[in-house]
């Protein structure tokens, strides 16, 4: 088994400019049904995992779709969409 990452995978995973710096970014949605988890990158570059209904460092997830998340932050609902 090789540990070298295939070029196509590496190129896709390292596209420049896809994730904007300095802002909260949705980078992944995993799981199904009530067992879904969401992955964010914060404005400072930290990665945060969150689950619906539980407060986290970035807010509370109040809704999840296939490509977007509704996050309650400071009493306001914010919709974040996965990057293309």
Protein backbone atom coordinates (compact mmCIF):
# COMPACT_ATOMS: atom_id res chain seq x y z
CA UNK A 1 0.00 0.00 0.00
CA UNK A 2 1.36 3.43 -0.95
CA UNK A 3 1.16 6.47 1.29
CA UNK A 4 1.60 8.89 -1.58
CA UNK A 5 -1.49 10.98 -2.31
CA UNK A 6 -2.63 10.76 -5.94
CA UNK A 7 -2.09 14.02 -7.84
CA UNK A 8 -5.78 14.51 -8.63
CA UNK A 9 -6.71 14.14 -4.94
CA UNK A 10 -3.96 16.51 -3.83
CA UNK A 11 -4.90 19.10 -6.46
CA UNK A 12 -8.58 18.99 -5.45
CA UNK A 13 -7.79 19.20 -1.74
CA UNK A 14 -5.45 22.17 -2.14
CA UNK A 15 -7.31 24.53 -4.45
CA UNK A 16 -6.27 28.12 -3.77
CA UNK A 17 -8.91 30.67 -2.76
CA UNK A 18 -11.78 28.24 -2.12
CA UNK A 19 -11.91 28.90 1.63
CA UNK A 20 -11.97 32.61 2.42
CA UNK A 21 -9.67 33.67 5.22
CA UNK A 22 -10.92 35.77 8.09
CA UNK A 23 -14.47 34.43 8.18
CA UNK A 24 -16.38 31.42 9.45
CA UNK A 25 -16.61 28.80 6.70
CA UNK A 26 -18.64 25.59 6.44
CA UNK A 27 -16.26 22.89 5.20
CA UNK A 28 -18.16 19.65 5.73
CA UNK A 29 -21.39 17.87 6.66
CA UNK A 30 -21.29 14.22 7.70
CA UNK A 31 -23.66 11.59 9.01
CA UNK A 32 -27.36 11.03 8.48
CA UNK A 33 -30.60 11.81 10.25
CA UNK A 34 -30.20 12.84 13.86
CA UNK A 35 -26.54 11.78 13.86
CA UNK A 36 -25.25 14.57 11.61
CA UNK A 37 -22.10 16.54 12.38
CA UNK A 38 -20.79 19.71 10.83
CA UNK A 39 -17.22 20.88 10.31
CA UNK A 40 -16.34 24.59 10.30
CA UNK A 41 -13.17 26.59 9.87
CA UNK A 42 -13.19 29.68 12.08
CA UNK A 43 -11.96 33.12 11.11
CA UNK A 44 -8.71 32.32 12.93
CA UNK A 45 -8.21 29.03 11.05
CA UNK A 46 -9.27 26.63 13.82
CA UNK A 47 -11.40 23.61 12.89
CA UNK A 48 -14.58 23.12 14.94
CA UNK A 49 -16.96 20.14 14.89
CA UNK A 50 -20.54 20.79 15.95
CA UNK A 51 -23.83 18.93 16.14
CA UNK A 52 -27.43 20.16 15.92
CA UNK A 53 -28.95 21.71 19.02
CA UNK A 54 -25.76 21.80 21.09
CA UNK A 55 -23.95 25.09 21.69
CA UNK A 56 -20.44 25.21 20.23
CA UNK A 57 -17.66 27.71 19.79
CA UNK A 58 -19.29 28.97 16.57
CA UNK A 59 -22.95 29.00 17.68
CA UNK A 60 -25.80 26.50 17.71
CA UNK A 61 -26.83 24.56 14.60
CA UNK A 62 -30.58 24.95 14.10
CA UNK A 63 -30.85 23.33 10.66
CA UNK A 64 -28.89 21.16 8.22
CA UNK A 65 -29.49 20.52 4.52
CA UNK A 66 -27.28 18.62 2.06
CA UNK A 67 -25.19 21.69 1.19
CA UNK A 68 -25.94 24.27 3.89
CA UNK A 69 -26.31 24.84 7.61
CA UNK A 70 -28.35 27.35 9.59
CA UNK A 71 -26.39 28.51 12.61
CA UNK A 72 -27.73 30.66 15.45
CA UNK A 73 -25.06 33.16 16.50
CA UNK A 74 -25.67 35.98 18.97
CA UNK A 75 -29.44 35.61 18.58
CA UNK A 76 -29.36 35.76 14.76
CA UNK A 77 -29.72 32.95 12.25
CA UNK A 78 -26.93 32.75 9.68
CA UNK A 79 -26.94 30.37 6.69
CA UNK A 80 -23.58 28.98 5.57
CA UNK A 81 -23.20 27.04 2.32
CA UNK A 82 -20.50 24.53 1.40
CA UNK A 83 -17.90 25.97 -0.99
CA UNK A 84 -18.15 24.81 -4.61
